[in-house]
Each structure stands twice: as structure tokens, then as C-alpha cells.
């Protein structure tokens, strides 16, 4: 499958320099920063997270100081993804493979990989593994395109679609928290 064209659009929003509130998909979970402290995240390596217009979902762009292959590992290798999102990961980055993130809070995201074209494109389903979840396992779609830029940098295009309207606000808060952590993981070295 060919990666979709992500033409920039929407509006540019500044990323908060620190996150001092609580985040969770519905319960409010304090997320540790990369330095191990609770509830903060220094996003100095990302000056702007750009919100992109999408149909029925959320979209973001950010640029990071790493080649696409290095960023790919941060999305597809269990030991790497937990540096910025989740505490335990099971990832099988091939069509039909498992996508599962477990958080210390007991929350679990579950889905499966739909497509994976290293190191430029991956798609997986996403949902919360709990009774009565607004977005149950595999019910929403996440697409990540890694665009190589000059100087060994990468533009990350991320879309999270097929969500009910009621889920957008919580998922938006989550991605605005975790995508800067991805940039911090890049800055800390891959």
C-alpha cells in the first residue's frame, strides 16, 4: 500500500513547555516524563506541533532531529516505543501483527498493524481494552508517515481517524502529550 499524501493544512499550535496536569483516555492518569518525574514533559526539541485537518479524526505534524529509520524504531520496537509511550509493549510490525501498549495505570491500548513499509509508513488500529470502552480495541485507525528532510531530519505525519466525536478531545490531549515525548526520545538518542 502506498503512503497517503499528507498535504499540510489546518493551524499551527504551540506545544506547552511542560505538562503539569493529568492525562488519561478517560480516568486521568499521571504520565511520567522521560526523566522519570511525574506529570511533566520538556518539549524543547519540538517548537511547534502542527494540527492537521482530517476527516473524522485528528492529524499532527512535527519535525525531529533523526533519520526516518531511527524514528521508525521508536514506533515499531517494543523497547523503543516505551521510551515515550506506554510501559510494556507488544509490537509485531507487519500486516495482521499485534499492536499493544500497557500502562502502569492498568490501561491497555490494543489493535493490529494494517500496513508497514519500513522506514516510511505504518498503519495500525487502536482502541482501549476494557469493558464499555468508547473506542474498543481495533476500532480506530492510526497512520504514521515519516518524510525524510535535509540534514538527517524527519517530518512525522500522524493521523488518528475513525473516532466517535466524543473520543476526539481525549485522544487529542493524549497525542499532544505523547508526540513531544517522541521528540524527546529522539533527542536522547536512538
N, C-alpha and C. Protein backbone atom coordinates (compact mmCIF):
# COMPACT_ATOMS: atom_id res chain seq x y z
N UNK A 1 0.85 -1.19 0.00
CA UNK A 1 0.00 0.00 0.00
C UNK A 1 0.88 1.23 0.00
N UNK A 2 0.58 2.17 -0.85
CA UNK A 2 1.34 3.41 -0.92
C UNK A 2 0.90 4.35 0.19
N UNK A 3 1.88 5.04 0.78
CA UNK A 3 1.59 6.01 1.84
C UNK A 3 0.73 7.13 1.28
N UNK A 4 -0.27 7.59 2.05
CA UNK A 4 -1.14 8.66 1.57
C UNK A 4 -0.41 9.99 1.54
N UNK A 5 -0.89 10.89 0.70
CA UNK A 5 -0.35 12.24 0.63
C UNK A 5 -0.93 13.04 1.79
N UNK A 6 -0.05 13.59 2.63
CA UNK A 6 -0.49 14.40 3.76
C UNK A 6 -0.14 15.85 3.47
N UNK A 7 -0.98 16.51 2.74
CA UNK A 7 -0.75 17.91 2.44
C UNK A 7 -0.99 18.74 3.69
N UNK A 8 0.01 19.53 4.13
CA UNK A 8 -0.18 20.33 5.33
C UNK A 8 -1.37 21.26 5.20
N UNK A 9 -2.09 21.39 6.27
CA UNK A 9 -3.23 22.29 6.34
C UNK A 9 -3.55 22.54 7.79
N UNK A 10 -4.64 23.13 8.05
CA UNK A 10 -5.01 23.33 9.45
C UNK A 10 -4.32 24.53 10.05
N UNK A 11 -4.05 24.43 11.35
CA UNK A 11 -3.48 25.56 12.04
C UNK A 11 -2.27 25.12 12.83
N UNK A 12 -1.38 26.03 13.14
CA UNK A 12 -0.20 25.73 13.92
C UNK A 12 -0.46 26.09 15.37
N UNK A 13 -0.19 25.16 16.25
CA UNK A 13 -0.42 25.36 17.67
C UNK A 13 0.87 25.16 18.44
N UNK A 14 1.19 26.05 19.39
CA UNK A 14 2.40 25.85 20.18
C UNK A 14 2.24 24.67 21.13
N UNK A 15 3.33 23.99 21.40
CA UNK A 15 3.32 22.90 22.36
C UNK A 15 3.67 23.49 23.72
N UNK A 16 2.93 23.15 24.74
CA UNK A 16 3.29 23.62 26.07
C UNK A 16 4.69 23.12 26.44
N UNK A 17 5.48 23.94 27.11
CA UNK A 17 6.83 23.55 27.52
C UNK A 17 6.80 22.52 28.63
N UNK A 18 5.74 22.44 29.36
CA UNK A 18 5.63 21.38 30.36
C UNK A 18 4.18 20.98 30.49
N UNK A 19 3.97 19.77 30.91
CA UNK A 19 2.63 19.25 31.13
C UNK A 19 2.52 19.05 32.63
N UNK A 20 1.69 19.83 33.27
CA UNK A 20 1.59 19.71 34.72
C UNK A 20 0.26 19.13 35.15
N UNK A 21 -0.62 18.90 34.20
CA UNK A 21 -1.93 18.33 34.54
C UNK A 21 -1.89 16.83 34.52
N UNK A 22 -3.05 16.26 34.43
CA UNK A 22 -3.17 14.81 34.38
C UNK A 22 -3.77 14.43 33.04
N UNK A 23 -3.30 13.33 32.51
CA UNK A 23 -3.81 12.86 31.24
C UNK A 23 -4.26 11.42 31.37
N UNK A 24 -5.29 11.09 30.70
CA UNK A 24 -5.73 9.71 30.59
C UNK A 24 -6.84 9.66 29.58
N UNK A 25 -7.10 8.51 29.01
CA UNK A 25 -8.12 8.44 27.98
C UNK A 25 -9.50 8.64 28.57
N UNK A 26 -9.68 8.43 29.86
CA UNK A 26 -10.96 8.74 30.47
C UNK A 26 -10.87 8.87 31.98
N UNK A 27 -9.84 8.38 32.60
CA UNK A 27 -9.76 8.39 34.05
C UNK A 27 -8.83 9.43 34.62
N UNK A 28 -7.89 9.94 33.85
CA UNK A 28 -6.89 10.86 34.37
C UNK A 28 -5.74 10.08 34.98
N UNK A 29 -4.71 9.85 34.19
CA UNK A 29 -3.55 9.08 34.62
C UNK A 29 -2.35 9.99 34.57
N UNK A 30 -1.58 10.05 35.65
CA UNK A 30 -0.36 10.85 35.63
C UNK A 30 0.69 10.10 34.83
N UNK A 31 1.25 10.76 33.83
CA UNK A 31 2.22 10.14 32.94
C UNK A 31 3.62 10.63 33.32
N UNK A 32 4.60 9.72 33.49
CA UNK A 32 5.94 10.17 33.83
C UNK A 32 6.64 10.82 32.64
N UNK A 33 7.46 11.81 32.92
CA UNK A 33 8.29 12.43 31.89
C UNK A 33 9.48 11.50 31.63
N UNK A 34 10.24 11.79 30.59
CA UNK A 34 11.36 10.93 30.23
C UNK A 34 12.42 10.89 31.32
N UNK A 35 12.50 11.94 32.15
CA UNK A 35 13.49 11.94 33.22
C UNK A 35 13.00 11.19 34.45
N UNK A 36 11.81 10.58 34.38
CA UNK A 36 11.28 9.79 35.47
C UNK A 36 10.37 10.57 36.40
N UNK A 37 10.35 11.90 36.31
CA UNK A 37 9.45 12.67 37.16
C UNK A 37 8.02 12.45 36.70
N UNK A 38 7.05 12.76 37.51
CA UNK A 38 5.65 12.53 37.16
C UNK A 38 5.01 13.82 36.67
N UNK A 39 4.27 13.75 35.57
CA UNK A 39 3.42 14.84 35.14
C UNK A 39 4.10 16.00 34.47
N UNK A 40 5.29 15.83 33.90
CA UNK A 40 5.90 16.94 33.18
C UNK A 40 6.61 16.40 31.95
N UNK A 41 6.76 17.26 30.98
CA UNK A 41 7.40 16.85 29.73
C UNK A 41 8.04 18.07 29.09
N UNK A 42 9.35 18.11 28.97
CA UNK A 42 10.05 19.21 28.35
C UNK A 42 10.09 18.96 26.85
N UNK A 43 9.43 19.81 26.10
CA UNK A 43 9.34 19.62 24.65
C UNK A 43 10.25 20.59 23.91
N UNK A 44 11.44 20.85 24.42
CA UNK A 44 12.31 21.84 23.82
C UNK A 44 12.79 21.45 22.43
N UNK A 45 12.78 20.16 22.09
CA UNK A 45 13.25 19.73 20.78
C UNK A 45 12.17 19.88 19.70
N UNK A 46 10.96 20.24 20.08
CA UNK A 46 9.87 20.46 19.13
C UNK A 46 9.30 21.83 19.42
N UNK A 47 9.48 22.77 18.49
CA UNK A 47 8.98 24.11 18.76
C UNK A 47 7.50 24.24 18.43
N UNK A 48 7.03 23.47 17.46
CA UNK A 48 5.63 23.58 17.05
C UNK A 48 5.11 22.20 16.67
N UNK A 49 3.97 21.87 17.20
CA UNK A 49 3.24 20.69 16.78
C UNK A 49 2.09 21.22 15.96
N UNK A 50 2.02 20.82 14.72
CA UNK A 50 1.01 21.36 13.83
C UNK A 50 -0.18 20.43 13.75
N UNK A 51 -1.36 20.96 14.07
CA UNK A 51 -2.59 20.19 13.94
C UNK A 51 -3.02 20.23 12.47
N UNK A 52 -3.35 19.08 11.92
CA UNK A 52 -3.70 18.96 10.51
C UNK A 52 -5.18 18.58 10.41
N UNK A 53 -5.88 19.21 9.49
CA UNK A 53 -7.30 18.87 9.27
C UNK A 53 -7.40 17.45 8.72
N UNK A 54 -8.30 16.67 9.28
CA UNK A 54 -8.55 15.32 8.78
C UNK A 54 -10.05 15.09 8.77
N UNK A 55 -10.46 14.09 8.03
CA UNK A 55 -11.86 13.70 8.02
C UNK A 55 -12.09 12.70 9.14
N UNK A 56 -12.93 13.04 10.09
CA UNK A 56 -13.29 12.13 11.16
C UNK A 56 -12.17 11.77 12.10
N UNK A 57 -11.28 12.70 12.36
CA UNK A 57 -10.20 12.37 13.28
C UNK A 57 -9.26 13.51 13.56
N UNK A 58 -8.05 13.14 13.93
CA UNK A 58 -7.02 14.08 14.33
C UNK A 58 -5.80 13.88 13.45
N UNK A 59 -5.04 14.94 13.26
CA UNK A 59 -3.80 14.83 12.50
C UNK A 59 -2.77 15.80 13.03
N UNK A 60 -1.50 15.40 12.97
CA UNK A 60 -0.40 16.21 13.50
C UNK A 60 0.82 16.07 12.62
N UNK A 61 1.67 17.09 12.68
CA UNK A 61 2.99 17.05 12.06
C UNK A 61 3.99 17.57 13.06
N UNK A 62 5.17 16.97 13.07
CA UNK A 62 6.28 17.52 13.81
C UNK A 62 7.56 17.10 13.13
N UNK A 63 8.62 17.88 13.33
CA UNK A 63 9.92 17.56 12.78
C UNK A 63 10.85 17.19 13.92
N UNK A 64 11.66 16.15 13.67
CA UNK A 64 12.60 15.69 14.67
C UNK A 64 13.99 15.54 14.07
N UNK A 65 15.00 15.59 14.94
CA UNK A 65 16.39 15.52 14.52
C UNK A 65 16.89 14.07 14.45
N UNK A 66 16.33 13.30 13.55
CA UNK A 66 16.75 11.92 13.34
C UNK A 66 16.29 11.47 11.96
N UNK A 67 16.98 10.50 11.42
CA UNK A 67 16.62 9.92 10.13
C UNK A 67 15.34 9.08 10.28
N UNK A 68 14.57 8.91 9.20
CA UNK A 68 13.36 8.10 9.28
C UNK A 68 13.57 6.70 9.88
N UNK A 69 14.67 6.05 9.58
CA UNK A 69 14.91 4.70 10.13
C UNK A 69 14.98 4.73 11.66
N UNK A 70 15.57 5.78 12.22
CA UNK A 70 15.65 5.89 13.68
C UNK A 70 14.28 6.17 14.29
N UNK A 71 13.48 7.02 13.63
CA UNK A 71 12.14 7.32 14.13
C UNK A 71 11.25 6.09 13.99
N UNK A 72 11.42 5.34 12.90
CA UNK A 72 10.68 4.10 12.68
C UNK A 72 10.85 3.16 13.88
N UNK A 73 12.07 3.02 14.36
CA UNK A 73 12.33 2.14 15.51
C UNK A 73 11.55 2.59 16.74
N UNK A 74 11.38 3.89 16.92
CA UNK A 74 10.65 4.41 18.08
C UNK A 74 9.16 4.10 18.00
N UNK A 75 8.66 3.73 16.85
CA UNK A 75 7.25 3.33 16.68
C UNK A 75 7.07 1.82 16.64
N UNK A 76 8.13 1.06 16.30
CA UNK A 76 7.94 -0.37 15.98
C UNK A 76 8.73 -1.35 16.83
N UNK A 77 9.63 -0.88 17.68
CA UNK A 77 10.43 -1.77 18.53
C UNK A 77 9.94 -1.59 19.98
N UNK A 78 9.50 -2.67 20.63
CA UNK A 78 8.92 -2.53 21.97
C UNK A 78 9.78 -1.75 22.96
N UNK A 79 11.07 -2.02 23.01
CA UNK A 79 11.95 -1.32 23.95
C UNK A 79 12.10 0.16 23.62
N UNK A 80 11.83 0.52 22.39
CA UNK A 80 11.95 1.92 21.97
C UNK A 80 10.64 2.69 22.18
N UNK A 81 9.51 2.10 21.84
CA UNK A 81 8.24 2.84 21.97
C UNK A 81 7.96 3.17 23.44
N UNK A 82 8.34 2.29 24.36
CA UNK A 82 8.06 2.56 25.78
C UNK A 82 8.95 3.67 26.34
N UNK A 83 9.91 4.14 25.57
CA UNK A 83 10.69 5.31 25.99
C UNK A 83 9.84 6.57 25.95
N UNK A 84 8.74 6.54 25.17
CA UNK A 84 7.93 7.75 25.03
C UNK A 84 6.42 7.51 25.19
N UNK A 85 5.98 6.25 25.14
CA UNK A 85 4.55 5.97 25.26
C UNK A 85 4.37 4.54 25.77
N UNK A 86 3.60 4.40 26.88
CA UNK A 86 3.34 3.08 27.43
C UNK A 86 4.45 2.61 28.35
N UNK A 87 4.20 1.49 29.02
CA UNK A 87 5.18 0.90 29.93
C UNK A 87 5.63 -0.47 29.45
N UNK A 88 4.74 -1.22 28.82
CA UNK A 88 5.04 -2.53 28.26
C UNK A 88 4.42 -2.55 26.87
N UNK A 89 5.18 -3.04 25.89
CA UNK A 89 4.67 -3.06 24.52
C UNK A 89 4.86 -4.43 23.89
N UNK A 90 3.86 -4.82 23.10
CA UNK A 90 3.95 -5.97 22.22
C UNK A 90 3.68 -5.44 20.82
N UNK A 91 4.69 -5.49 19.98
CA UNK A 91 4.58 -4.94 18.63
C UNK A 91 5.07 -5.96 17.62
N UNK A 92 4.25 -6.24 16.63
CA UNK A 92 4.62 -7.10 15.51
C UNK A 92 4.34 -6.29 14.24
N UNK A 93 5.32 -5.48 13.81
CA UNK A 93 5.06 -4.51 12.73
C UNK A 93 5.01 -5.11 11.33
N UNK A 94 3.99 -5.90 11.10
CA UNK A 94 3.67 -6.43 9.79
C UNK A 94 2.16 -6.57 9.73
N UNK A 95 1.57 -6.58 8.53
CA UNK A 95 0.11 -6.66 8.42
C UNK A 95 -0.45 -7.85 9.20
N UNK A 96 -1.40 -7.56 10.10
CA UNK A 96 -2.00 -8.57 10.95
C UNK A 96 -1.29 -8.77 12.27
N UNK A 97 -0.12 -8.13 12.43
CA UNK A 97 0.64 -8.26 13.67
C UNK A 97 0.03 -7.46 14.82
N UNK A 98 0.43 -7.79 16.02
CA UNK A 98 -0.11 -7.18 17.24
C UNK A 98 0.43 -5.78 17.47
N UNK A 99 -0.45 -4.87 17.88
CA UNK A 99 -0.07 -3.56 18.42
C UNK A 99 -0.73 -3.49 19.79
N UNK A 100 0.09 -3.48 20.85
CA UNK A 100 -0.46 -3.47 22.22
C UNK A 100 0.47 -2.67 23.12
N UNK A 101 -0.11 -1.71 23.83
CA UNK A 101 0.61 -0.91 24.82
C UNK A 101 -0.10 -1.05 26.16
N UNK A 102 0.66 -1.35 27.19
CA UNK A 102 0.12 -1.45 28.54
C UNK A 102 0.72 -0.32 29.37
N UNK A 103 -0.11 0.34 30.15
CA UNK A 103 0.32 1.43 31.01
C UNK A 103 0.32 0.96 32.46
N UNK A 104 1.17 1.57 33.28
CA UNK A 104 1.25 1.23 34.70
C UNK A 104 -0.09 1.39 35.39
N UNK A 105 -0.94 2.27 34.87
CA UNK A 105 -2.27 2.50 35.44
C UNK A 105 -3.21 1.32 35.25
N UNK A 106 -2.81 0.38 34.38
CA UNK A 106 -3.69 -0.74 34.05
C UNK A 106 -4.40 -0.55 32.72
N UNK A 107 -4.33 0.65 32.15
CA UNK A 107 -4.94 0.91 30.85
C UNK A 107 -4.17 0.15 29.77
N UNK A 108 -4.87 -0.33 28.76
CA UNK A 108 -4.27 -1.08 27.67
C UNK A 108 -4.84 -0.59 26.35
N UNK A 109 -3.96 -0.27 25.40
CA UNK A 109 -4.35 0.04 24.03
C UNK A 109 -4.09 -1.22 23.22
N UNK A 110 -5.06 -1.63 22.41
CA UNK A 110 -4.91 -2.85 21.62
C UNK A 110 -5.40 -2.64 20.20
N UNK A 111 -4.69 -3.24 19.28
CA UNK A 111 -5.05 -3.19 17.87
C UNK A 111 -4.15 -4.12 17.10
N UNK A 112 -4.09 -3.89 15.80
CA UNK A 112 -3.18 -4.68 14.98
C UNK A 112 -2.62 -3.82 13.87
N UNK A 113 -1.43 -4.19 13.40
CA UNK A 113 -0.82 -3.49 12.28
C UNK A 113 -1.59 -3.84 11.01
N UNK A 114 -1.85 -2.81 10.23
CA UNK A 114 -2.55 -2.96 8.96
C UNK A 114 -1.56 -2.93 7.82
N UNK A 115 -0.53 -2.09 7.95
CA UNK A 115 0.49 -1.93 6.91
C UNK A 115 1.78 -1.47 7.57
N UNK A 116 2.90 -1.85 7.00
CA UNK A 116 4.20 -1.41 7.50
C UNK A 116 5.19 -1.45 6.35
N UNK A 117 5.68 -0.27 5.99
CA UNK A 117 6.67 -0.14 4.92
C UNK A 117 7.86 0.61 5.48
N UNK A 118 8.79 -0.16 6.06
CA UNK A 118 9.97 0.44 6.69
C UNK A 118 10.80 1.20 5.66
N UNK A 119 11.34 2.34 6.02
CA UNK A 119 11.08 3.09 7.24
C UNK A 119 10.19 4.31 7.02
N UNK A 120 9.21 4.21 6.12
CA UNK A 120 8.46 5.43 5.83
C UNK A 120 6.98 5.44 6.19
N UNK A 121 6.36 4.27 6.38
CA UNK A 121 4.91 4.29 6.59
C UNK A 121 4.47 3.11 7.46
N UNK A 122 3.58 3.39 8.41
CA UNK A 122 2.94 2.32 9.14
C UNK A 122 1.51 2.71 9.47
N UNK A 123 0.67 1.72 9.56
CA UNK A 123 -0.74 1.92 9.89
C UNK A 123 -1.14 0.80 10.83
N UNK A 124 -1.90 1.18 11.87
CA UNK A 124 -2.37 0.19 12.82
C UNK A 124 -3.71 0.63 13.38
N UNK A 125 -4.46 -0.33 13.90
CA UNK A 125 -5.72 0.00 14.56
C UNK A 125 -5.42 0.26 16.03
N UNK A 126 -6.37 0.93 16.70
CA UNK A 126 -6.15 1.41 18.07
C UNK A 126 -7.48 1.41 18.81
N UNK A 127 -7.45 1.02 20.05
CA UNK A 127 -8.62 1.10 20.91
C UNK A 127 -8.25 0.69 22.32
N UNK A 128 -9.13 1.03 23.26
CA UNK A 128 -8.88 0.75 24.68
C UNK A 128 -9.50 -0.58 25.07
N UNK A 129 -8.69 -1.45 25.65
CA UNK A 129 -9.10 -2.80 26.00
C UNK A 129 -9.71 -2.82 27.40
N UNK A 130 -11.00 -2.48 27.45
CA UNK A 130 -11.74 -2.50 28.71
C UNK A 130 -13.23 -2.57 28.39
N UNK A 131 -14.01 -3.13 29.29
CA UNK A 131 -15.45 -3.23 29.04
C UNK A 131 -16.08 -1.85 28.84
N UNK A 132 -16.91 -1.72 27.83
CA UNK A 132 -17.64 -0.49 27.58
C UNK A 132 -16.82 0.66 27.05
N UNK A 133 -15.61 0.41 26.56
CA UNK A 133 -14.76 1.48 26.04
C UNK A 133 -15.44 2.19 24.88
N UNK A 134 -15.31 3.51 24.85
CA UNK A 134 -15.85 4.32 23.76
C UNK A 134 -15.19 3.95 22.44
N UNK A 135 -13.91 3.63 22.49
CA UNK A 135 -13.18 3.17 21.31
C UNK A 135 -12.55 1.82 21.66
N UNK A 136 -13.27 0.72 21.44
CA UNK A 136 -12.76 -0.60 21.79
C UNK A 136 -11.57 -1.00 20.91
N UNK A 137 -10.84 -2.07 21.29
CA UNK A 137 -9.67 -2.50 20.53
C UNK A 137 -9.94 -2.60 19.03
N UNK A 138 -9.04 -2.01 18.27
CA UNK A 138 -9.12 -2.08 16.81
C UNK A 138 -10.15 -1.20 16.16
N UNK A 139 -10.83 -0.34 16.90
CA UNK A 139 -11.94 0.43 16.32
C UNK A 139 -11.53 1.74 15.65
N UNK A 140 -10.33 2.24 15.91
CA UNK A 140 -9.87 3.47 15.26
C UNK A 140 -8.58 3.17 14.50
N UNK A 141 -8.17 4.10 13.66
CA UNK A 141 -7.00 3.88 12.79
C UNK A 141 -5.95 4.95 13.03
N UNK A 142 -4.70 4.52 13.11
CA UNK A 142 -3.56 5.43 13.22
C UNK A 142 -2.65 5.18 12.03
N UNK A 143 -2.26 6.26 11.36
CA UNK A 143 -1.31 6.19 10.25
C UNK A 143 -0.15 7.11 10.56
N UNK A 144 1.07 6.63 10.31
CA UNK A 144 2.28 7.42 10.53
C UNK A 144 3.09 7.37 9.25
N UNK A 145 3.42 8.56 8.73
CA UNK A 145 4.28 8.68 7.57
C UNK A 145 5.52 9.44 8.00
N UNK A 146 6.70 8.90 7.66
CA UNK A 146 7.97 9.51 8.02
C UNK A 146 8.62 10.05 6.76
N UNK A 147 8.67 11.36 6.68
CA UNK A 147 9.19 12.04 5.49
C UNK A 147 10.62 12.50 5.73
N UNK A 148 11.59 12.01 4.93
CA UNK A 148 12.97 12.45 5.13
C UNK A 148 13.14 13.92 4.74
N UNK A 149 13.91 14.64 5.54
CA UNK A 149 14.21 16.04 5.29
C UNK A 149 15.73 16.23 5.21
N UNK A 150 16.15 17.38 4.72
CA UNK A 150 17.57 17.69 4.66
C UNK A 150 18.19 17.65 6.05
N UNK A 151 19.47 17.35 6.09
CA UNK A 151 20.19 17.37 7.35
C UNK A 151 19.90 16.18 8.25
N UNK A 152 19.36 15.09 7.70
CA UNK A 152 19.09 13.91 8.51
C UNK A 152 17.88 14.03 9.42
N UNK A 153 17.01 15.01 9.15
CA UNK A 153 15.80 15.21 9.96
C UNK A 153 14.63 14.44 9.34
N UNK A 154 13.55 14.34 10.10
CA UNK A 154 12.34 13.66 9.63
C UNK A 154 11.12 14.47 10.01
N UNK A 155 10.19 14.59 9.07
CA UNK A 155 8.87 15.15 9.38
C UNK A 155 7.95 13.97 9.63
N UNK A 156 7.35 13.95 10.82
CA UNK A 156 6.41 12.90 11.21
C UNK A 156 5.01 13.41 10.92
N UNK A 157 4.28 12.68 10.07
CA UNK A 157 2.86 12.96 9.81
C UNK A 157 2.08 11.86 10.52
N UNK A 158 1.19 12.22 11.40
CA UNK A 158 0.41 11.23 12.13
C UNK A 158 -1.07 11.57 12.05
N UNK A 159 -1.90 10.57 11.71
CA UNK A 159 -3.35 10.75 11.67
C UNK A 159 -4.00 9.69 12.54
N UNK A 160 -5.02 10.08 13.28
CA UNK A 160 -5.79 9.13 14.09
C UNK A 160 -7.25 9.35 13.70
N UNK A 161 -7.81 8.41 12.96
CA UNK A 161 -9.12 8.58 12.35
C UNK A 161 -10.11 7.50 12.79
N UNK A 162 -11.33 7.64 12.27
CA UNK A 162 -12.43 6.71 12.52
C UNK A 162 -12.83 6.71 13.99
N UNK A 163 -12.86 7.90 14.59
CA UNK A 163 -13.19 8.04 16.01
C UNK A 163 -14.57 8.64 16.19
N UNK A 164 -15.26 8.24 17.23
CA UNK A 164 -16.50 8.94 17.53
C UNK A 164 -16.17 10.35 18.03
N UNK A 165 -17.06 11.27 17.77
CA UNK A 165 -16.86 12.67 18.18
C UNK A 165 -16.49 12.79 19.66
N UNK A 166 -17.10 11.97 20.50
CA UNK A 166 -16.87 12.05 21.95
C UNK A 166 -15.45 11.65 22.34
N UNK A 167 -14.73 10.95 21.47
CA UNK A 167 -13.37 10.49 21.79
C UNK A 167 -12.30 11.48 21.37
N UNK A 168 -12.64 12.42 20.50
CA UNK A 168 -11.62 13.29 19.92
C UNK A 168 -10.86 14.12 20.96
N UNK A 169 -11.55 14.69 21.91
CA UNK A 169 -10.88 15.56 22.89
C UNK A 169 -9.84 14.80 23.71
N UNK A 170 -10.19 13.61 24.19
CA UNK A 170 -9.24 12.84 24.99
C UNK A 170 -8.07 12.34 24.15
N UNK A 171 -8.34 11.87 22.94
CA UNK A 171 -7.24 11.43 22.09
C UNK A 171 -6.35 12.60 21.70
N UNK A 172 -6.93 13.76 21.45
CA UNK A 172 -6.14 14.95 21.13
C UNK A 172 -5.21 15.30 22.30
N UNK A 173 -5.73 15.28 23.52
CA UNK A 173 -4.90 15.57 24.69
C UNK A 173 -3.76 14.55 24.79
N UNK A 174 -4.06 13.31 24.51
CA UNK A 174 -3.02 12.28 24.57
C UNK A 174 -1.93 12.48 23.56
N UNK A 175 -2.29 12.69 22.30
CA UNK A 175 -1.27 12.88 21.27
C UNK A 175 -0.47 14.15 21.49
N UNK A 176 -1.11 15.20 21.98
CA UNK A 176 -0.37 16.43 22.28
C UNK A 176 0.61 16.23 23.43
N UNK A 177 0.35 15.24 24.26
CA UNK A 177 1.29 14.91 25.32
C UNK A 177 2.39 13.98 24.80
N UNK A 178 2.02 12.93 24.09
CA UNK A 178 2.99 11.91 23.72
C UNK A 178 3.87 12.28 22.53
N UNK A 179 3.39 13.01 21.54
CA UNK A 179 4.25 13.33 20.40
C UNK A 179 5.46 14.17 20.79
N UNK A 180 5.35 15.15 21.69
CA UNK A 180 6.58 15.81 22.16
C UNK A 180 7.53 14.84 22.89
N UNK A 181 6.98 13.85 23.56
CA UNK A 181 7.83 12.83 24.20
C UNK A 181 8.57 12.01 23.15
N UNK A 182 7.95 11.78 21.98
CA UNK A 182 8.65 11.13 20.89
C UNK A 182 9.86 11.95 20.50
N UNK A 183 9.68 13.28 20.37
CA UNK A 183 10.79 14.16 20.02
C UNK A 183 11.87 14.13 21.11
N UNK A 184 11.47 14.05 22.37
CA UNK A 184 12.45 13.94 23.45
C UNK A 184 13.22 12.63 23.37
N UNK A 185 12.54 11.55 23.02
CA UNK A 185 13.23 10.26 22.88
C UNK A 185 14.24 10.33 21.76
N UNK A 186 13.89 11.01 20.66
CA UNK A 186 14.84 11.21 19.56
C UNK A 186 16.05 11.99 20.07
N UNK A 187 15.81 13.08 20.80
CA UNK A 187 16.88 13.93 21.30
C UNK A 187 17.80 13.17 22.27
N UNK A 188 17.21 12.23 23.02
CA UNK A 188 18.00 11.46 23.98
C UNK A 188 18.86 10.38 23.29
N UNK A 189 18.57 10.15 22.02
CA UNK A 189 19.34 9.17 21.25
C UNK A 189 18.57 7.89 21.01
N UNK A 190 18.77 7.36 19.82
CA UNK A 190 18.08 6.11 19.46
C UNK A 190 19.06 4.97 19.45
